[in-house]
Amino acid sequence: MRKKRDGEGTKAKVLETSEKLFAEKGFNGLSLAEISRASGISVGLLLYHFKSKEKLYDEVIEKISARYMGVLGGVRDKELPPAEMMREALEAVFSFWKTDTTYHRISLWSYLEGRENAAVNESRLTAGLAAYLESLQAEGSFPREIEPVVFLSMIIGPIHFWFRYKSRFAEFLQFEGDDKDMDDLFLKQFAGILTSFLT
């Protein structure tokens, strides 16, 4: 009797394996043969489901972006006052990048390899958040002179920088607390700076 194939299960396994490997080696440093060996799925079956390494990579990015979108979308849907929304969004973004490290690593690889990997879902989310800030500008509760997309970039950039260099900060600045203390201090002060833009 022929064994029944589980197409969705196969795809899920390949995506999970590929996410880890793309985070470890980047796009250029990884072959379909390596993905095949790590997942136990033949190259032929990989190509049947994903057509090419490029399309597999794109699906990995979309999968991680959907996780990210779920985190921020959940905050946006709460309809909180602007300052509280900003604080919760910052905490959600910080927690995502701290715990879901594969996207951060893949983003860094993508930048180093000169690849455009902005996912459709994430772009839509960014556009939605920018539209929200524009609505606050129309109400007069967010400065009109600040471009929403630039402001959103100002949130993400420092968080990436913090995670990349905080162990060095602790060493050179002789910070007394532990990792959680450092993160709490960063979040408290950064949230204070960001919410100061809201009236």
N, C-alpha and C. Protein backbone atom coordinates (compact mmCIF):
# COMPACT_ATOMS: atom_id res chain seq x y z
N MET A 1 0.84 -1.19 0.00
CA MET A 1 0.00 0.00 0.00
C MET A 1 0.88 1.25 0.00
N ARG A 2 0.59 2.20 -0.89
CA ARG A 2 1.40 3.41 -1.00
C ARG A 2 1.14 4.34 0.18
N LYS A 3 2.22 4.89 0.73
CA LYS A 3 2.11 5.80 1.87
C LYS A 3 1.52 7.14 1.40
N LYS A 4 0.53 7.63 2.14
CA LYS A 4 -0.11 8.89 1.81
C LYS A 4 0.82 10.05 2.12
N ARG A 5 0.94 10.96 1.17
CA ARG A 5 1.81 12.11 1.36
C ARG A 5 1.08 13.22 2.12
N ASP A 6 1.82 13.88 2.99
CA ASP A 6 1.28 15.00 3.75
C ASP A 6 1.97 16.26 3.24
N GLY A 7 1.37 16.86 2.20
CA GLY A 7 1.98 18.02 1.56
C GLY A 7 2.18 19.19 2.50
N GLU A 8 1.17 19.51 3.29
CA GLU A 8 1.26 20.64 4.22
C GLU A 8 2.29 20.37 5.32
N GLY A 9 2.32 19.12 5.80
CA GLY A 9 3.30 18.75 6.82
C GLY A 9 4.71 18.86 6.28
N THR A 10 4.91 18.43 5.03
CA THR A 10 6.22 18.52 4.38
C THR A 10 6.66 19.97 4.26
N LYS A 11 5.74 20.81 3.78
CA LYS A 11 6.07 22.24 3.62
C LYS A 11 6.42 22.88 4.96
N ALA A 12 5.64 22.55 5.98
CA ALA A 12 5.88 23.13 7.31
C ALA A 12 7.26 22.72 7.83
N LYS A 13 7.63 21.46 7.62
CA LYS A 13 8.93 20.97 8.08
C LYS A 13 10.06 21.67 7.34
N VAL A 14 9.90 21.82 6.03
CA VAL A 14 10.93 22.49 5.22
C VAL A 14 11.07 23.95 5.64
N LEU A 15 9.95 24.63 5.87
CA LEU A 15 9.99 26.04 6.26
C LEU A 15 10.68 26.22 7.61
N GLU A 16 10.35 25.34 8.55
CA GLU A 16 10.96 25.42 9.88
C GLU A 16 12.47 25.20 9.81
N THR A 17 12.87 24.17 9.05
CA THR A 17 14.31 23.88 8.89
C THR A 17 15.02 25.00 8.17
N SER A 18 14.39 25.50 7.10
CA SER A 18 15.02 26.55 6.28
C SER A 18 15.18 27.84 7.05
N GLU A 19 14.20 28.17 7.88
CA GLU A 19 14.30 29.39 8.68
C GLU A 19 15.56 29.36 9.54
N LYS A 20 15.80 28.25 10.20
CA LYS A 20 16.98 28.13 11.05
C LYS A 20 18.27 28.21 10.24
N LEU A 21 18.27 27.56 9.08
CA LEU A 21 19.48 27.54 8.26
C LEU A 21 19.76 28.87 7.59
N PHE A 22 18.71 29.56 7.09
CA PHE A 22 18.91 30.89 6.51
C PHE A 22 19.43 31.86 7.57
N ALA A 23 18.94 31.71 8.81
CA ALA A 23 19.42 32.57 9.90
C ALA A 23 20.89 32.30 10.20
N GLU A 24 21.29 31.04 10.05
CA GLU A 24 22.67 30.65 10.36
C GLU A 24 23.64 30.99 9.25
N LYS A 25 23.21 30.81 7.97
CA LYS A 25 24.15 30.91 6.85
C LYS A 25 23.81 31.97 5.81
N GLY A 26 22.64 32.59 5.92
CA GLY A 26 22.23 33.54 4.90
C GLY A 26 21.70 32.82 3.67
N PHE A 27 21.27 33.60 2.68
CA PHE A 27 20.76 33.00 1.44
C PHE A 27 21.90 32.45 0.59
N ASN A 28 22.93 33.23 0.39
CA ASN A 28 24.01 32.83 -0.51
C ASN A 28 24.83 31.66 0.04
N GLY A 29 24.89 31.53 1.36
CA GLY A 29 25.71 30.49 1.96
C GLY A 29 25.00 29.16 2.14
N LEU A 30 23.78 29.07 1.65
CA LEU A 30 22.99 27.85 1.88
C LEU A 30 22.53 27.26 0.56
N SER A 31 22.62 25.94 0.45
CA SER A 31 22.17 25.26 -0.77
C SER A 31 20.92 24.44 -0.49
N LEU A 32 20.20 24.12 -1.55
CA LEU A 32 19.03 23.25 -1.41
C LEU A 32 19.44 21.87 -0.91
N ALA A 33 20.64 21.44 -1.29
CA ALA A 33 21.12 20.13 -0.83
C ALA A 33 21.27 20.11 0.69
N GLU A 34 21.74 21.22 1.28
CA GLU A 34 21.88 21.31 2.74
C GLU A 34 20.51 21.30 3.41
N ILE A 35 19.55 22.02 2.82
CA ILE A 35 18.19 22.03 3.36
C ILE A 35 17.59 20.63 3.28
N SER A 36 17.85 19.96 2.18
CA SER A 36 17.36 18.59 1.98
C SER A 36 17.90 17.66 3.06
N ARG A 37 19.21 17.73 3.30
CA ARG A 37 19.83 16.86 4.31
C ARG A 37 19.27 17.15 5.70
N ALA A 38 19.14 18.43 6.04
CA ALA A 38 18.69 18.81 7.39
C ALA A 38 17.22 18.48 7.63
N SER A 39 16.41 18.57 6.58
CA SER A 39 14.98 18.34 6.74
C SER A 39 14.57 16.90 6.46
N GLY A 40 15.46 16.16 5.76
CA GLY A 40 15.11 14.79 5.37
C GLY A 40 14.14 14.74 4.19
N ILE A 41 14.02 15.87 3.48
CA ILE A 41 13.13 15.96 2.31
C ILE A 41 14.00 16.06 1.06
N SER A 42 13.71 15.28 0.06
CA SER A 42 14.54 15.27 -1.15
C SER A 42 14.51 16.62 -1.85
N VAL A 43 15.58 16.90 -2.60
CA VAL A 43 15.65 18.15 -3.36
C VAL A 43 14.50 18.22 -4.35
N GLY A 44 14.17 17.08 -4.96
CA GLY A 44 13.06 17.05 -5.91
C GLY A 44 11.75 17.47 -5.27
N LEU A 45 11.51 16.98 -4.07
CA LEU A 45 10.27 17.33 -3.37
C LEU A 45 10.31 18.80 -2.90
N LEU A 46 11.49 19.27 -2.53
CA LEU A 46 11.63 20.70 -2.19
C LEU A 46 11.22 21.57 -3.37
N LEU A 47 11.73 21.20 -4.55
CA LEU A 47 11.43 21.98 -5.75
C LEU A 47 9.97 21.83 -6.16
N TYR A 48 9.39 20.68 -5.90
CA TYR A 48 7.96 20.47 -6.20
C TYR A 48 7.11 21.45 -5.39
N HIS A 49 7.45 21.61 -4.13
CA HIS A 49 6.64 22.47 -3.26
C HIS A 49 6.99 23.95 -3.37
N PHE A 50 8.28 24.27 -3.62
CA PHE A 50 8.69 25.68 -3.56
C PHE A 50 9.26 26.23 -4.87
N LYS A 51 9.46 25.41 -5.86
CA LYS A 51 9.92 25.80 -7.20
C LYS A 51 11.39 26.23 -7.28
N SER A 52 11.88 26.94 -6.26
CA SER A 52 13.28 27.41 -6.28
C SER A 52 13.69 27.80 -4.86
N LYS A 53 14.99 27.96 -4.66
CA LYS A 53 15.49 28.41 -3.36
C LYS A 53 14.97 29.83 -3.07
N GLU A 54 14.90 30.65 -4.11
CA GLU A 54 14.41 32.03 -3.97
C GLU A 54 12.97 32.05 -3.44
N LYS A 55 12.11 31.22 -4.01
CA LYS A 55 10.71 31.19 -3.56
C LYS A 55 10.60 30.61 -2.15
N LEU A 56 11.43 29.65 -1.83
CA LEU A 56 11.45 29.10 -0.47
C LEU A 56 11.86 30.19 0.52
N TYR A 57 12.89 30.94 0.17
CA TYR A 57 13.35 32.04 1.02
C TYR A 57 12.24 33.06 1.24
N ASP A 58 11.55 33.41 0.16
CA ASP A 58 10.45 34.38 0.26
C ASP A 58 9.35 33.88 1.21
N GLU A 59 9.07 32.59 1.14
CA GLU A 59 8.03 32.03 2.03
C GLU A 59 8.48 32.03 3.49
N VAL A 60 9.76 31.79 3.71
CA VAL A 60 10.29 31.86 5.08
C VAL A 60 10.12 33.29 5.62
N ILE A 61 10.47 34.29 4.81
CA ILE A 61 10.34 35.68 5.22
C ILE A 61 8.88 36.02 5.52
N GLU A 62 7.98 35.57 4.65
CA GLU A 62 6.56 35.85 4.87
C GLU A 62 6.04 35.19 6.15
N LYS A 63 6.53 34.00 6.42
CA LYS A 63 6.11 33.28 7.63
C LYS A 63 6.53 34.05 8.89
N ILE A 64 7.79 34.51 8.91
CA ILE A 64 8.25 35.26 10.08
C ILE A 64 7.54 36.61 10.16
N SER A 65 7.33 37.24 9.02
CA SER A 65 6.64 38.53 9.00
C SER A 65 5.24 38.41 9.55
N ALA A 66 4.59 37.29 9.27
CA ALA A 66 3.23 37.07 9.79
C ALA A 66 3.25 37.01 11.32
N ARG A 67 4.31 36.41 11.89
CA ARG A 67 4.43 36.40 13.35
C ARG A 67 4.58 37.82 13.88
N TYR A 68 5.42 38.58 13.21
CA TYR A 68 5.67 39.97 13.61
C TYR A 68 4.38 40.79 13.49
N MET A 69 3.68 40.60 12.38
CA MET A 69 2.45 41.32 12.14
C MET A 69 1.41 41.00 13.20
N GLY A 70 1.38 39.74 13.63
CA GLY A 70 0.43 39.34 14.66
C GLY A 70 0.70 40.03 15.98
N VAL A 71 1.97 40.19 16.31
CA VAL A 71 2.34 40.86 17.56
C VAL A 71 1.91 42.32 17.55
N LEU A 72 2.29 43.06 16.50
CA LEU A 72 1.97 44.48 16.46
C LEU A 72 0.50 44.73 16.13
N GLY A 73 -0.07 43.86 15.29
CA GLY A 73 -1.48 44.00 14.97
C GLY A 73 -2.34 43.84 16.20
N GLY A 74 -1.93 42.93 17.10
CA GLY A 74 -2.68 42.72 18.34
C GLY A 74 -2.69 43.96 19.20
N VAL A 75 -1.57 44.70 19.24
CA VAL A 75 -1.51 45.94 20.01
C VAL A 75 -2.39 47.00 19.35
N ARG A 76 -2.29 47.12 18.05
CA ARG A 76 -3.07 48.13 17.32
C ARG A 76 -4.56 47.94 17.51
N ASP A 77 -4.99 46.68 17.55
CA ASP A 77 -6.42 46.38 17.66
C ASP A 77 -7.02 46.72 19.02
N LYS A 78 -6.18 47.01 20.02
CA LYS A 78 -6.70 47.31 21.35
C LYS A 78 -7.31 48.71 21.44
N GLU A 79 -7.01 49.57 20.48
CA GLU A 79 -7.54 50.94 20.46
C GLU A 79 -7.24 51.69 21.76
N LEU A 80 -5.96 51.71 22.12
CA LEU A 80 -5.52 52.38 23.34
C LEU A 80 -5.27 53.86 23.08
N PRO A 81 -5.20 54.67 24.13
CA PRO A 81 -4.78 56.06 23.96
C PRO A 81 -3.37 56.09 23.35
N PRO A 82 -3.03 57.14 22.59
CA PRO A 82 -1.76 57.17 21.86
C PRO A 82 -0.52 56.83 22.68
N ALA A 83 -0.35 57.43 23.86
CA ALA A 83 0.86 57.18 24.65
C ALA A 83 0.93 55.74 25.12
N GLU A 84 -0.22 55.19 25.52
CA GLU A 84 -0.27 53.80 25.97
C GLU A 84 -0.03 52.85 24.81
N MET A 85 -0.59 53.20 23.65
CA MET A 85 -0.37 52.41 22.43
C MET A 85 1.12 52.37 22.08
N MET A 86 1.77 53.53 22.17
CA MET A 86 3.19 53.60 21.86
C MET A 86 4.00 52.72 22.81
N ARG A 87 3.67 52.80 24.10
CA ARG A 87 4.40 52.02 25.10
C ARG A 87 4.21 50.52 24.86
N GLU A 88 2.97 50.10 24.63
CA GLU A 88 2.71 48.67 24.41
C GLU A 88 3.33 48.18 23.11
N ALA A 89 3.28 49.01 22.07
CA ALA A 89 3.88 48.63 20.79
C ALA A 89 5.39 48.46 20.94
N LEU A 90 6.01 49.38 21.67
CA LEU A 90 7.45 49.29 21.89
C LEU A 90 7.80 48.02 22.64
N GLU A 91 7.05 47.72 23.69
CA GLU A 91 7.31 46.51 24.47
C GLU A 91 7.10 45.26 23.61
N ALA A 92 6.07 45.27 22.75
CA ALA A 92 5.80 44.13 21.89
C ALA A 92 6.92 43.92 20.87
N VAL A 93 7.37 45.02 20.26
CA VAL A 93 8.46 44.94 19.27
C VAL A 93 9.74 44.46 19.96
N PHE A 94 10.03 45.02 21.11
CA PHE A 94 11.23 44.64 21.86
C PHE A 94 11.21 43.16 22.19
N SER A 95 10.08 42.68 22.69
CA SER A 95 9.95 41.27 23.06
C SER A 95 10.09 40.37 21.83
N PHE A 96 9.50 40.80 20.71
CA PHE A 96 9.59 40.00 19.47
C PHE A 96 11.05 39.84 19.05
N TRP A 97 11.77 40.95 18.96
CA TRP A 97 13.15 40.88 18.48
C TRP A 97 14.07 40.18 19.47
N LYS A 98 13.71 40.21 20.75
CA LYS A 98 14.54 39.53 21.74
C LYS A 98 14.35 38.02 21.68
N THR A 99 13.12 37.56 21.49
CA THR A 99 12.83 36.12 21.57
C THR A 99 12.81 35.43 20.21
N ASP A 100 12.45 36.17 19.15
CA ASP A 100 12.32 35.57 17.81
C ASP A 100 13.54 35.99 16.99
N THR A 101 14.69 35.39 17.30
CA THR A 101 15.96 35.89 16.77
C THR A 101 16.23 35.55 15.31
N THR A 102 15.51 34.59 14.75
CA THR A 102 15.83 34.21 13.37
C THR A 102 15.57 35.35 12.39
N TYR A 103 14.50 36.11 12.61
CA TYR A 103 14.20 37.21 11.68
C TYR A 103 15.29 38.27 11.73
N HIS A 104 15.75 38.56 12.93
CA HIS A 104 16.83 39.54 13.08
C HIS A 104 18.07 39.09 12.31
N ARG A 105 18.43 37.83 12.48
CA ARG A 105 19.62 37.30 11.80
C ARG A 105 19.43 37.27 10.28
N ILE A 106 18.26 36.85 9.84
CA ILE A 106 17.99 36.82 8.40
C ILE A 106 18.01 38.22 7.82
N SER A 107 17.47 39.19 8.56
CA SER A 107 17.50 40.59 8.11
C SER A 107 18.93 41.09 7.95
N LEU A 108 19.79 40.74 8.91
CA LEU A 108 21.19 41.15 8.83
C LEU A 108 21.89 40.50 7.64
N TRP A 109 21.65 39.21 7.46
CA TRP A 109 22.23 38.52 6.29
C TRP A 109 21.75 39.18 5.00
N SER A 110 20.47 39.46 4.93
CA SER A 110 19.88 40.06 3.73
C SER A 110 20.55 41.39 3.41
N TYR A 111 20.78 42.19 4.45
CA TYR A 111 21.45 43.47 4.25
C TYR A 111 22.88 43.26 3.73
N LEU A 112 23.62 42.35 4.37
CA LEU A 112 25.00 42.09 3.97
C LEU A 112 25.09 41.53 2.55
N GLU A 113 24.09 40.76 2.16
CA GLU A 113 24.09 40.15 0.82
C GLU A 113 23.48 41.07 -0.24
N GLY A 114 23.00 42.23 0.19
CA GLY A 114 22.41 43.16 -0.77
C GLY A 114 21.09 42.69 -1.31
N ARG A 115 20.32 41.97 -0.51
CA ARG A 115 19.05 41.43 -0.96
C ARG A 115 17.90 42.26 -0.41
N GLU A 116 16.87 42.46 -1.22
CA GLU A 116 15.65 43.12 -0.76
C GLU A 116 14.74 42.03 -0.22
N ASN A 117 14.45 42.07 1.07
CA ASN A 117 13.60 41.02 1.63
C ASN A 117 12.39 41.57 2.38
N ALA A 118 11.98 42.80 2.03
CA ALA A 118 10.80 43.37 2.69
C ALA A 118 9.58 42.54 2.29
N ALA A 119 8.97 41.90 3.26
CA ALA A 119 7.83 41.04 2.98
C ALA A 119 6.56 41.86 2.80
N VAL A 120 5.66 41.33 2.00
CA VAL A 120 4.41 42.02 1.71
C VAL A 120 3.64 42.27 3.00
N ASN A 121 3.52 41.26 3.85
CA ASN A 121 2.75 41.42 5.09
C ASN A 121 3.35 42.49 5.98
N GLU A 122 4.66 42.49 6.13
CA GLU A 122 5.30 43.48 6.98
C GLU A 122 5.14 44.89 6.40
N SER A 123 5.23 45.00 5.07
CA SER A 123 5.05 46.31 4.43
C SER A 123 3.64 46.83 4.67
N ARG A 124 2.67 45.93 4.61
CA ARG A 124 1.29 46.34 4.87
C ARG A 124 1.13 46.79 6.32
N LEU A 125 1.76 46.08 7.23
CA LEU A 125 1.68 46.45 8.64
C LEU A 125 2.30 47.82 8.87
N THR A 126 3.48 48.04 8.30
CA THR A 126 4.14 49.33 8.44
C THR A 126 3.26 50.45 7.88
N ALA A 127 2.65 50.19 6.72
CA ALA A 127 1.75 51.19 6.13
C ALA A 127 0.57 51.45 7.05
N GLY A 128 0.04 50.40 7.69
CA GLY A 128 -1.08 50.56 8.61
C GLY A 128 -0.69 51.38 9.84
N LEU A 129 0.50 51.12 10.38
CA LEU A 129 0.97 51.88 11.54
C LEU A 129 1.24 53.34 11.16
N ALA A 130 1.78 53.54 9.95
CA ALA A 130 2.01 54.91 9.48
C ALA A 130 0.68 55.65 9.34
N ALA A 131 -0.34 54.94 8.82
CA ALA A 131 -1.67 55.55 8.69
C ALA A 131 -2.24 55.92 10.06
N TYR A 132 -1.98 55.08 11.05
CA TYR A 132 -2.44 55.36 12.41
C TYR A 132 -1.78 56.65 12.93
N LEU A 133 -0.47 56.79 12.72
CA LEU A 133 0.22 58.00 13.16
C LEU A 133 -0.30 59.23 12.41
N GLU A 134 -0.63 59.04 11.12
CA GLU A 134 -1.20 60.16 10.35
C GLU A 134 -2.55 60.58 10.94
N SER A 135 -3.33 59.60 11.40
CA SER A 135 -4.62 59.95 12.02
C SER A 135 -4.41 60.73 13.32
N LEU A 136 -3.35 60.39 14.06
CA LEU A 136 -3.02 61.15 15.27
C LEU A 136 -2.58 62.56 14.91
N GLN A 137 -1.87 62.69 13.79
CA GLN A 137 -1.47 64.03 13.34
C GLN A 137 -2.70 64.87 13.00
N ALA A 138 -3.68 64.23 12.36
CA ALA A 138 -4.91 64.96 12.00
C ALA A 138 -5.67 65.41 13.25
N GLU A 139 -5.58 64.62 14.32
CA GLU A 139 -6.23 64.98 15.59
C GLU A 139 -5.42 66.00 16.38
N GLY A 140 -4.17 66.21 15.99
CA GLY A 140 -3.30 67.13 16.71
C GLY A 140 -2.58 66.51 17.89
N SER A 141 -2.58 65.17 17.98
CA SER A 141 -1.92 64.52 19.12
C SER A 141 -0.58 63.90 18.75
N PHE A 142 -0.11 64.14 17.53
CA PHE A 142 1.23 63.70 17.12
C PHE A 142 1.78 64.78 16.20
N PRO A 143 3.04 65.20 16.39
CA PRO A 143 3.59 66.34 15.63
C PRO A 143 3.52 66.13 14.11
N ARG A 144 2.98 67.13 13.42
CA ARG A 144 2.84 67.05 11.97
C ARG A 144 4.18 67.07 11.24
N GLU A 145 5.20 67.65 11.90
CA GLU A 145 6.49 67.78 11.23
C GLU A 145 7.29 66.47 11.21
N ILE A 146 6.80 65.46 11.93
CA ILE A 146 7.51 64.17 11.96
C ILE A 146 6.88 63.21 10.96
N GLU A 147 7.69 62.73 10.02
CA GLU A 147 7.20 61.77 9.03
C GLU A 147 6.97 60.43 9.71
N PRO A 148 5.74 59.87 9.62
CA PRO A 148 5.44 58.61 10.32
C PRO A 148 6.39 57.47 10.03
N VAL A 149 6.77 57.27 8.76
CA VAL A 149 7.65 56.15 8.43
C VAL A 149 9.03 56.35 9.05
N VAL A 150 9.50 57.60 9.09
CA VAL A 150 10.78 57.89 9.74
C VAL A 150 10.68 57.59 11.23
N PHE A 151 9.58 57.99 11.84
CA PHE A 151 9.38 57.74 13.27
C PHE A 151 9.38 56.24 13.57
N LEU A 152 8.70 55.45 12.73
CA LEU A 152 8.67 54.00 12.92
C LEU A 152 10.08 53.41 12.79
N SER A 153 10.87 53.94 11.86
CA SER A 153 12.26 53.49 11.71
C SER A 153 13.08 53.83 12.94
N MET A 154 12.76 54.97 13.57
CA MET A 154 13.47 55.39 14.77
C MET A 154 13.19 54.45 15.95
N ILE A 155 12.09 53.73 15.88
CA ILE A 155 11.77 52.76 16.93
C ILE A 155 12.57 51.47 16.73
N ILE A 156 12.55 50.95 15.51
CA ILE A 156 13.18 49.67 15.22
C ILE A 156 14.71 49.74 15.31
N GLY A 157 15.30 50.80 14.75
CA GLY A 157 16.76 50.91 14.70
C GLY A 157 17.44 50.81 16.06
N PRO A 158 17.01 51.62 17.04
CA PRO A 158 17.66 51.54 18.36
C PRO A 158 17.51 50.19 19.04
N ILE A 159 16.38 49.52 18.79
CA ILE A 159 16.19 48.19 19.39
C ILE A 159 17.22 47.22 18.82
N HIS A 160 17.41 47.22 17.52
CA HIS A 160 18.43 46.36 16.90
C HIS A 160 19.81 46.68 17.45
N PHE A 161 20.11 47.96 17.54
CA PHE A 161 21.42 48.38 18.04
C PHE A 161 21.62 47.91 19.48
N TRP A 162 20.57 48.03 20.28
CA TRP A 162 20.64 47.63 21.69
C TRP A 162 20.97 46.14 21.80
N PHE A 163 20.26 45.30 21.08
CA PHE A 163 20.50 43.87 21.18
C PHE A 163 21.89 43.49 20.67
N ARG A 164 22.37 44.23 19.70
CA ARG A 164 23.67 43.90 19.14
C ARG A 164 24.82 44.26 20.08
N TYR A 165 24.66 45.34 20.83
CA TYR A 165 25.80 45.87 21.58
C TYR A 165 25.63 45.95 23.09
N LYS A 166 24.49 45.53 23.63
CA LYS A 166 24.26 45.75 25.07
C LYS A 166 25.28 45.00 25.94
N SER A 167 25.75 43.85 25.50
CA SER A 167 26.74 43.14 26.32
C SER A 167 28.03 43.96 26.40
N ARG A 168 28.37 44.66 25.31
CA ARG A 168 29.54 45.54 25.32
C ARG A 168 29.30 46.73 26.25
N PHE A 169 28.07 47.27 26.19
CA PHE A 169 27.74 48.39 27.08
C PHE A 169 27.93 47.97 28.53
N ALA A 170 27.43 46.79 28.86
CA ALA A 170 27.53 46.30 30.24
C ALA A 170 28.99 46.17 30.66
N GLU A 171 29.82 45.69 29.74
CA GLU A 171 31.25 45.49 30.04
C GLU A 171 31.98 46.82 30.21
N PHE A 172 31.84 47.71 29.22
CA PHE A 172 32.62 48.94 29.23
C PHE A 172 32.08 49.98 30.22
N LEU A 173 30.76 49.97 30.45
CA LEU A 173 30.17 50.95 31.35
C LEU A 173 30.03 50.40 32.77
N GLN A 174 30.47 49.14 32.95
CA GLN A 174 30.43 48.48 34.26
C GLN A 174 29.03 48.55 34.88
N PHE A 175 28.05 48.17 34.07
CA PHE A 175 26.66 48.17 34.53
C PHE A 175 26.48 47.10 35.59
N GLU A 176 25.86 47.46 36.69
CA GLU A 176 25.76 46.56 37.85
C GLU A 176 24.68 45.49 37.71
N GLY A 177 23.60 45.77 36.99
CA GLY A 177 22.48 44.85 36.93
C GLY A 177 22.69 43.70 35.98
N ASP A 178 21.68 42.82 35.93
CA ASP A 178 21.74 41.69 35.00
C ASP A 178 21.08 42.06 33.67
N ASP A 179 20.94 41.09 32.80
CA ASP A 179 20.40 41.34 31.46
C ASP A 179 18.99 41.93 31.52
N LYS A 180 18.17 41.40 32.41
CA LYS A 180 16.80 41.91 32.54
C LYS A 180 16.79 43.35 33.03
N ASP A 181 17.66 43.66 33.97
CA ASP A 181 17.76 45.04 34.47
C ASP A 181 18.12 46.00 33.34
N MET A 182 19.05 45.59 32.50
CA MET A 182 19.46 46.43 31.38
C MET A 182 18.30 46.65 30.42
N ASP A 183 17.60 45.55 30.09
CA ASP A 183 16.46 45.67 29.17
C ASP A 183 15.36 46.54 29.75
N ASP A 184 15.08 46.38 31.03
CA ASP A 184 14.05 47.19 31.69
C ASP A 184 14.41 48.68 31.65
N LEU A 185 15.69 48.98 31.90
CA LEU A 185 16.15 50.36 31.87
C LEU A 185 16.00 50.94 30.46
N PHE A 186 16.42 50.17 29.46
CA PHE A 186 16.30 50.63 28.07
C PHE A 186 14.84 50.91 27.73
N LEU A 187 13.96 49.95 28.02
CA LEU A 187 12.54 50.10 27.67
C LEU A 187 11.91 51.31 28.37
N LYS A 188 12.21 51.46 29.65
CA LYS A 188 11.63 52.57 30.41
C LYS A 188 12.06 53.92 29.83
N GLN A 189 13.35 54.06 29.57
CA GLN A 189 13.84 55.35 29.10
C GLN A 189 13.47 55.60 27.64
N PHE A 190 13.53 54.55 26.83
CA PHE A 190 13.18 54.71 25.42
C PHE A 190 11.69 55.02 25.27
N ALA A 191 10.85 54.33 26.05
CA ALA A 191 9.42 54.62 26.01
C ALA A 191 9.14 56.05 26.44
N GLY A 192 9.88 56.52 27.43
CA GLY A 192 9.72 57.91 27.87
C GLY A 192 10.03 58.89 26.76
N ILE A 193 11.09 58.63 26.02
CA ILE A 193 11.48 59.51 24.91
C ILE A 193 10.39 59.49 23.83
N LEU A 194 9.95 58.29 23.43
CA LEU A 194 8.99 58.18 22.35
C LEU A 194 7.63 58.78 22.71
N THR A 195 7.16 58.51 23.92
CA THR A 195 5.85 59.01 24.30
C THR A 195 5.86 60.53 24.53
N SER A 196 7.04 61.12 24.67
CA SER A 196 7.12 62.57 24.83
C SER A 196 6.69 63.30 23.56
N PHE A 197 6.67 62.59 22.43
CA PHE A 197 6.22 63.19 21.17
C PHE A 197 4.69 63.29 21.13
N LEU A 198 4.02 62.56 22.01
CA LEU A 198 2.57 62.52 21.99
C LEU A 198 2.00 63.50 23.02
N THR A 199 1.02 64.26 22.60
CA THR A 199 0.44 65.25 23.52
C THR A 199 -0.73 64.67 24.27
